[in-house]
PDB file of N, CA and C in Angstrom:
ATOM      1  N   UNK A   1       1.138  -1.053   0.187  1.00  0.00           N
ATOM      2  CA  UNK A   1      -0.155   0.184  -0.247  1.00  0.00           C
ATOM      3  C   UNK A   1       1.061   1.543   0.116  1.00  0.00           C
ATOM      4  N   UNK A   2       0.341   2.481  -0.783  1.00  0.00           N
ATOM      5  CA  UNK A   2       0.930   3.755  -0.629  1.00  0.00           C
ATOM      6  C   UNK A   2       1.275   3.932   0.374  1.00  0.00           C
ATOM      7  N   UNK A   3       2.192   5.252   0.997  1.00  0.00           N
ATOM      8  CA  UNK A   3       1.925   5.381   2.308  1.00  0.00           C
ATOM      9  C   UNK A   3       0.692   6.542   2.159  1.00  0.00           C
ATOM     10  N   UNK A   4       0.278   6.796   3.212  1.00  0.00           N
ATOM     11  CA  UNK A   4      -1.016   7.136   3.846  1.00  0.00           C
ATOM     12  C   UNK A   4      -0.083   8.469   4.299  1.00  0.00           C
ATOM     13  N   UNK A   5      -0.602  10.042   3.496  1.00  0.00           N
ATOM     14  CA  UNK A   5      -0.691  11.377   5.130  1.00  0.00           C
ATOM     15  C   UNK A   5      -1.024  10.852   6.191  1.00  0.00           C
ATOM     16  N   UNK A   6      -0.518  11.593   7.131  1.00  0.00           N
ATOM     17  CA  UNK A   6      -1.369  11.755   8.289  1.00  0.00           C
ATOM     18  C   UNK A   6      -2.043  12.526   8.846  1.00  0.00           C
ATOM     19  N   UNK A   7      -2.721  13.911   7.988  1.00  0.00           N
ATOM     20  CA  UNK A   7      -3.928  14.912   8.285  1.00  0.00           C
ATOM     21  C   UNK A   7      -5.058  14.392   7.575  1.00  0.00           C
ATOM     22  N   UNK A   8      -6.085  15.004   8.200  1.00  0.00           N
ATOM     23  CA  UNK A   8      -7.681  14.404   7.317  1.00  0.00           C
ATOM     24  C   UNK A   8      -6.981  15.576   5.600  1.00  0.00           C
ATOM     25  N   UNK A   9      -6.706  16.502   6.059  1.00  0.00           N
ATOM     26  CA  UNK A   9      -7.015  17.511   4.939  1.00  0.00           C
ATOM     27  C   UNK A   9      -5.240  17.433   4.311  1.00  0.00           C
ATOM     28  N   UNK A  10      -4.923  16.797   4.163  1.00  0.00           N
ATOM     29  CA  UNK A  10      -4.104  15.952   3.493  1.00  0.00           C
ATOM     30  C   UNK A  10      -4.524  14.838   2.778  1.00  0.00           C
ATOM     31  N   UNK A  11      -5.491  13.800   3.208  1.00  0.00           N
ATOM     32  CA  UNK A  11      -5.735  12.664   2.757  1.00  0.00           C
ATOM     33  C   UNK A  11      -6.975  13.502   1.822  1.00  0.00           C
ATOM     34  N   UNK A  12      -7.684  14.393   1.752  1.00  0.00           N
ATOM     35  CA  UNK A  12      -8.222  14.944   1.058  1.00  0.00           C
ATOM     36  C   UNK A  12      -8.092  15.972  -0.050  1.00  0.00           C
ATOM     37  N   UNK A  13      -6.560  16.731   0.195  1.00  0.00           N
ATOM     38  CA  UNK A  13      -6.333  17.110  -1.147  1.00  0.00           C
ATOM     39  C   UNK A  13      -5.593  15.789  -1.751  1.00  0.00           C
ATOM     40  N   UNK A  14      -5.132  15.040  -1.285  1.00  0.00           N
ATOM     41  CA  UNK A  14      -4.470  13.935  -2.220  1.00  0.00           C
ATOM     42  C   UNK A  14      -5.083  13.378  -3.224  1.00  0.00           C
ATOM     43  N   UNK A  15      -6.827  13.288  -2.778  1.00  0.00           N
ATOM     44  CA  UNK A  15      -7.592  12.575  -3.397  1.00  0.00           C
ATOM     45  C   UNK A  15      -7.991  11.230  -2.687  1.00  0.00           C
ATOM     46  N   UNK A  16      -6.950  10.622  -2.095  1.00  0.00           N
ATOM     47  CA  UNK A  16      -7.455   9.428  -0.841  1.00  0.00           C
ATOM     48  C   UNK A  16      -8.611   9.377  -0.431  1.00  0.00           C
ATOM     49  N   UNK A  17      -9.233  10.747   0.075  1.00  0.00           N
ATOM     50  CA  UNK A  17     -10.674  10.339   0.692  1.00  0.00           C
ATOM     51  C   UNK A  17     -11.813  10.959   0.025  1.00  0.00           C
ATOM     52  N   UNK A  18     -11.415  10.017  -0.916  1.00  0.00           N
ATOM     53  CA  UNK A  18     -13.059   9.801  -1.971  1.00  0.00           C
ATOM     54  C   UNK A  18     -13.576   8.915  -1.581  1.00  0.00           C
ATOM     55  N   UNK A  19     -15.321   8.716  -2.241  1.00  0.00           N
ATOM     56  CA  UNK A  19     -15.593   7.989  -1.783  1.00  0.00           C
ATOM     57  C   UNK A  19     -15.870   7.177  -3.091  1.00  0.00           C
ATOM     58  N   UNK A  20     -15.724   6.895  -4.222  1.00  0.00           N
ATOM     59  CA  UNK A  20     -15.539   6.003  -5.352  1.00  0.00           C
ATOM     60  C   UNK A  20     -15.153   4.678  -4.778  1.00  0.00           C
ATOM     61  N   UNK A  21     -15.737   4.131  -5.605  1.00  0.00           N
ATOM     62  CA  UNK A  21     -15.359   2.692  -5.654  1.00  0.00           C
ATOM     63  C   UNK A  21     -14.336   2.448  -6.337  1.00  0.00           C
ATOM     64  N   UNK A  22     -13.789   1.646  -5.681  1.00  0.00           N
ATOM     65  CA  UNK A  22     -12.345   0.789  -5.468  1.00  0.00           C
ATOM     66  C   UNK A  22     -12.063   0.501  -6.790  1.00  0.00           C
ATOM     67  N   UNK A  23     -10.444   0.518  -7.040  1.00  0.00           N
ATOM     68  CA  UNK A  23     -10.750  -0.021  -8.535  1.00  0.00           C
ATOM     69  C   UNK A  23     -11.468  -1.497  -8.722  1.00  0.00           C
ATOM     70  N   UNK A  24     -10.888  -2.413  -8.262  1.00  0.00           N
ATOM     71  CA  UNK A  24     -11.458  -3.473  -8.338  1.00  0.00           C
ATOM     72  C   UNK A  24     -12.937  -3.902  -8.316  1.00  0.00           C
ATOM     73  N   UNK A  25     -13.419  -3.076  -7.582  1.00  0.00           N
ATOM     74  CA  UNK A  25     -14.914  -2.739  -8.009  1.00  0.00           C
ATOM     75  C   UNK A  25     -15.330  -2.525  -9.369  1.00  0.00           C
ATOM     76  N   UNK A  26     -14.471  -1.200  -9.405  1.00  0.00           N
ATOM     77  CA  UNK A  26     -14.877  -1.112 -11.093  1.00  0.00           C
ATOM     78  C   UNK A  26     -14.866  -2.322 -11.785  1.00  0.00           C
ATOM     79  N   UNK A  27     -13.891  -3.235 -11.974  1.00  0.00           N
ATOM     80  CA  UNK A  27     -13.287  -3.973 -12.785  1.00  0.00           C
ATOM     81  C   UNK A  27     -14.166  -4.852 -12.695  1.00  0.00           C
ATOM     82  N   UNK A  28     -14.254  -5.876 -11.520  1.00  0.00           N
ATOM     83  CA  UNK A  28     -15.200  -6.673 -11.582  1.00  0.00           C
ATOM     84  C   UNK A  28     -16.509  -6.775 -10.494  1.00  0.00           C
ATOM     85  N   UNK A  29     -16.627  -6.463  -9.646  1.00  0.00           N
ATOM     86  CA  UNK A  29     -17.094  -6.052  -8.364  1.00  0.00           C
ATOM     87  C   UNK A  29     -17.129  -7.753  -7.537  1.00  0.00           C
ATOM     88  N   UNK A  30     -16.469  -8.317  -7.498  1.00  0.00           N
ATOM     89  CA  UNK A  30     -15.554  -9.176  -6.585  1.00  0.00           C
ATOM     90  C   UNK A  30     -16.122  -9.546  -5.183  1.00  0.00           C
ATOM     91  N   UNK A  31     -17.340 -10.054  -4.663  1.00  0.00           N
ATOM     92  CA  UNK A  31     -17.422  -9.739  -3.464  1.00  0.00           C
ATOM     93  C   UNK A  31     -16.232 -10.496  -2.559  1.00  0.00           C
ATOM     94  N   UNK A  32     -15.721 -11.637  -2.910  1.00  0.00           N
ATOM     95  CA  UNK A  32     -14.907 -12.198  -1.767  1.00  0.00           C
ATOM     96  C   UNK A  32     -13.678 -11.146  -1.790  1.00  0.00           C
ATOM     97  N   UNK A  33     -13.506 -11.065  -3.127  1.00  0.00           N
ATOM     98  CA  UNK A  33     -12.499  -9.860  -2.816  1.00  0.00           C
ATOM     99  C   UNK A  33     -12.333  -9.040  -1.959  1.00  0.00           C
ATOM    100  N   UNK A  34     -13.689  -7.965  -2.407  1.00  0.00           N
ATOM    101  CA  UNK A  34     -13.842  -6.714  -1.382  1.00  0.00           C
ATOM    102  C   UNK A  34     -14.308  -7.203   0.044  1.00  0.00           C
ATOM    103  N   UNK A  35     -14.520  -8.214   0.136  1.00  0.00           N
ATOM    104  CA  UNK A  35     -14.312  -8.786   1.708  1.00  0.00           C
ATOM    105  C   UNK A  35     -12.678  -9.078   2.361  1.00  0.00           C
ATOM    106  N   UNK A  36     -12.022  -9.439   1.437  1.00  0.00           N
ATOM    107  CA  UNK A  36     -11.330  -9.861   1.933  1.00  0.00           C
ATOM    108  C   UNK A  36      -9.850  -8.769   2.201  1.00  0.00           C
ATOM    109  N   UNK A  37     -10.546  -7.291   1.018  1.00  0.00           N
ATOM    110  CA  UNK A  37      -9.901  -6.410   1.047  1.00  0.00           C
ATOM    111  C   UNK A  37     -10.624  -5.683   2.460  1.00  0.00           C
ATOM    112  N   UNK A  38     -11.410  -5.254   3.161  1.00  0.00           N
ATOM    113  CA  UNK A  38     -12.195  -4.610   3.658  1.00  0.00           C
ATOM    114  C   UNK A  38     -11.662  -4.630   5.401  1.00  0.00           C
ATOM    115  N   UNK A  39     -11.645  -6.380   5.246  1.00  0.00           N
ATOM    116  CA  UNK A  39     -10.351  -7.097   6.182  1.00  0.00           C
ATOM    117  C   UNK A  39      -9.119  -6.864   6.294  1.00  0.00           C
ATOM    118  N   UNK A  40      -8.538  -6.421   5.494  1.00  0.00           N
ATOM    119  CA  UNK A  40      -7.146  -5.963   4.792  1.00  0.00           C
ATOM    120  C   UNK A  40      -7.058  -4.215   5.917  1.00  0.00           C
ATOM    121  N   UNK A  41      -7.816  -4.057   5.277  1.00  0.00           N
ATOM    122  CA  UNK A  41      -8.093  -2.118   5.552  1.00  0.00           C
ATOM    123  C   UNK A  41      -8.241  -2.580   7.192  1.00  0.00           C
ATOM    124  N   UNK A  42      -9.488  -2.689   7.550  1.00  0.00           N
ATOM    125  CA  UNK A  42      -9.520  -2.957   9.103  1.00  0.00           C
ATOM    126  C   UNK A  42      -8.855  -3.053  10.483  1.00  0.00           C
ATOM    127  N   UNK A  43      -7.470  -4.320   9.698  1.00  0.00           N
ATOM    128  CA  UNK A  43      -6.196  -4.622  10.790  1.00  0.00           C
ATOM    129  C   UNK A  43      -5.692  -3.306  10.451  1.00  0.00           C
ATOM    130  N   UNK A  44      -5.429  -3.050   8.992  1.00  0.00           N
ATOM    131  CA  UNK A  44      -4.612  -1.457   9.181  1.00  0.00           C
ATOM    132  C   UNK A  44      -4.999  -0.665  10.486  1.00  0.00           C
ATOM    133  N   UNK A  45      -6.509  -0.492  10.107  1.00  0.00           N
ATOM    134  CA  UNK A  45      -6.896   1.257  10.765  1.00  0.00           C
ATOM    135  C   UNK A  45      -7.000   0.218  12.592  1.00  0.00           C
ATOM    136  N   UNK A  46      -6.904  -0.564  12.991  1.00  0.00           N
ATOM    137  CA  UNK A  46      -6.766  -1.434  14.355  1.00  0.00           C
ATOM    138  C   UNK A  46      -5.326  -1.289  14.761  1.00  0.00           C
ATOM    139  N   UNK A  47      -4.275  -1.719  14.170  1.00  0.00           N
ATOM    140  CA  UNK A  47      -3.020  -0.823  13.733  1.00  0.00           C
ATOM    141  C   UNK A  47      -2.762   0.482  14.106  1.00  0.00           C
ATOM    142  N   UNK A  48      -2.700   1.645  13.516  1.00  0.00           N
ATOM    143  CA  UNK A  48      -2.569   2.645  13.244  1.00  0.00           C
ATOM    144  C   UNK A  48      -3.577   3.258  14.140  1.00  0.00           C
ATOM    145  N   UNK A  49      -4.091   2.610  14.893  1.00  0.00           N
ATOM    146  CA  UNK A  49      -5.469   3.695  15.754  1.00  0.00           C
ATOM    147  C   UNK A  49      -4.836   3.098  17.424  1.00  0.00           C
ATOM    148  N   UNK A  50      -4.272   1.856  17.979  1.00  0.00           N
ATOM    149  CA  UNK A  50      -2.823   1.530  18.183  1.00  0.00           C
ATOM    150  C   UNK A  50      -2.016   2.121  18.872  1.00  0.00           C
ATOM    151  N   UNK A  51      -1.241   2.568  17.296  1.00  0.00           N
ATOM    152  CA  UNK A  51       0.203   2.877  17.674  1.00  0.00           C
ATOM    153  C   UNK A  51      -0.232   4.129  17.533  1.00  0.00           C
ATOM    154  N   UNK A  52      -1.575   5.172  17.813  1.00  0.00           N
ATOM    155  CA  UNK A  52      -1.751   6.483  17.897  1.00  0.00           C
ATOM    156  C   UNK A  52      -2.003   7.611  16.800  1.00  0.00           C
ATOM    157  N   UNK A  53      -2.246   6.475  15.389  1.00  0.00           N
ATOM    158  CA  UNK A  53      -2.062   7.482  13.900  1.00  0.00           C
ATOM    159  C   UNK A  53      -3.133   7.350  14.134  1.00  0.00           C
ATOM    160  N   UNK A  54      -3.970   8.333  14.150  1.00  0.00           N
ATOM    161  CA  UNK A  54      -5.200   8.415  13.956  1.00  0.00           C
ATOM    162  C   UNK A  54      -6.063   8.790  12.724  1.00  0.00           C
ATOM    163  N   UNK A  55      -5.293   9.636  12.418  1.00  0.00           N
ATOM    164  CA  UNK A  55      -6.043  10.399  10.830  1.00  0.00           C
ATOM    165  C   UNK A  55      -5.544   8.781   9.621  1.00  0.00           C
ATOM    166  N   UNK A  56      -4.954   8.270   9.864  1.00  0.00           N
ATOM    167  CA  UNK A  56      -4.599   7.174   9.114  1.00  0.00           C
ATOM    168  C   UNK A  56      -5.371   6.082   9.650  1.00  0.00           C
ATOM    169  N   UNK A  57      -6.140   5.962  11.385  1.00  0.00           N
ATOM    170  CA  UNK A  57      -6.735   4.919  11.359  1.00  0.00           C
ATOM    171  C   UNK A  57      -7.874   5.504  10.030  1.00  0.00           C
ATOM    172  N   UNK A  58      -8.604   6.895  10.496  1.00  0.00           N
ATOM    173  CA  UNK A  58      -9.329   6.726   9.971  1.00  0.00           C
ATOM    174  C   UNK A  58      -9.779   6.274   8.635  1.00  0.00           C
ATOM    175  N   UNK A  59      -8.884   7.126   7.970  1.00  0.00           N
ATOM    176  CA  UNK A  59      -8.890   6.848   6.544  1.00  0.00           C
ATOM    177  C   UNK A  59      -8.970   5.077   6.327  1.00  0.00           C
ATOM    178  N   UNK A  60      -8.366   3.786   7.118  1.00  0.00           N
ATOM    179  CA  UNK A  60      -8.689   2.634   6.663  1.00  0.00           C
ATOM    180  C   UNK A  60     -10.177   2.424   7.485  1.00  0.00           C
ATOM    181  N   UNK A  61      -9.727   2.853   8.755  1.00  0.00           N
ATOM    182  CA  UNK A  61     -11.528   2.645   8.770  1.00  0.00           C
ATOM    183  C   UNK A  61     -12.896   2.592   7.524  1.00  0.00           C
ATOM    184  N   UNK A  62     -13.166   4.366   6.534  1.00  0.00           N
ATOM    185  CA  UNK A  62     -13.715   4.174   6.031  1.00  0.00           C
ATOM    186  C   UNK A  62     -13.403   3.260   4.432  1.00  0.00           C
ATOM    187  N   UNK A  63     -12.358   2.922   4.460  1.00  0.00           N
ATOM    188  CA  UNK A  63     -11.885   2.197   3.384  1.00  0.00           C
ATOM    189  C   UNK A  63     -12.088   0.936   3.694  1.00  0.00           C
ATOM    190  N   UNK A  64     -12.485   0.463   4.750  1.00  0.00           N
ATOM    191  CA  UNK A  64     -12.771  -0.972   5.259  1.00  0.00           C
ATOM    192  C   UNK A  64     -14.341  -1.231   5.296  1.00  0.00           C
ATOM    193  N   UNK A  65     -15.007   0.076   5.929  1.00  0.00           N
ATOM    194  CA  UNK A  65     -16.567   0.248   5.178  1.00  0.00           C
ATOM    195  C   UNK A  65     -17.020   0.729   3.756  1.00  0.00           C
ATOM    196  N   UNK A  66     -16.434   0.876   3.483  1.00  0.00           N
ATOM    197  CA  UNK A  66     -16.641   0.851   1.594  1.00  0.00           C
ATOM    198  C   UNK A  66     -16.135  -0.578   1.255  1.00  0.00           C
ATOM    199  N   UNK A  67     -15.288  -1.012   1.629  1.00  0.00           N
ATOM    200  CA  UNK A  67     -14.991  -2.168   0.782  1.00  0.00           C
ATOM    201  C   UNK A  67     -16.263  -3.201   1.144  1.00  0.00           C
ATOM    202  N   UNK A  68     -16.764  -2.998   2.457  1.00  0.00           N
ATOM    203  CA  UNK A  68     -17.874  -4.148   3.235  1.00  0.00           C
ATOM    204  C   UNK A  68     -19.353  -3.490   2.131  1.00  0.00           C
ATOM    205  N   UNK A  69     -19.161  -2.170   1.764  1.00  0.00           N
ATOM    206  CA  UNK A  69     -20.200  -1.558   0.684  1.00  0.00           C
ATOM    207  C   UNK A  69     -20.331  -2.032  -0.330  1.00  0.00           C
ATOM    208  N   UNK A  70     -19.530  -2.154  -0.772  1.00  0.00           N
ATOM    209  CA  UNK A  70     -19.345  -2.220  -2.125  1.00  0.00           C
ATOM    210  C   UNK A  70     -19.525  -4.120  -2.177  1.00  0.00           C
ATOM    211  N   UNK A  71     -18.896  -5.103  -1.420  1.00  0.00           N
ATOM    212  CA  UNK A  71     -19.000  -5.898  -1.975  1.00  0.00           C
ATOM    213  C   UNK A  71     -20.986  -6.880  -1.374  1.00  0.00           C
ATOM    214  N   UNK A  72     -21.632  -5.742  -0.589  1.00  0.00           N
ATOM    215  CA  UNK A  72     -22.872  -5.983  -0.413  1.00  0.00           C
ATOM    216  C   UNK A  72     -22.908  -5.957  -1.476  1.00  0.00           C
ATOM    217  N   UNK A  73     -22.940  -4.685  -2.498  1.00  0.00           N
ATOM    218  CA  UNK A  73     -23.498  -4.150  -4.113  1.00  0.00           C
ATOM    219  C   UNK A  73     -23.244  -5.520  -4.813  1.00  0.00           C
ATOM    220  N   UNK A  74     -22.636  -6.078  -4.561  1.00  0.00           N
ATOM    221  CA  UNK A  74     -21.757  -7.095  -5.833  1.00  0.00           C
ATOM    222  C   UNK A  74     -22.691  -7.998  -5.974  1.00  0.00           C
TER     223      UNK A  74
END
């Protein structure tokens, strides 16, 4: 995964904080793969949260939620 900016403001400025489907969802809408992505993002979120890197944690929590939403739609 790419390095994640540390602030929500920088996430928005970089375009990382968006609500468009992940590339994988656009290509195939593979529910199983999206569920795996959600688990991976959730693990990263918890790790960043425990490290006190809250802006990054929020980013990954949102990505996990988005992946689950798209998995449900697949």
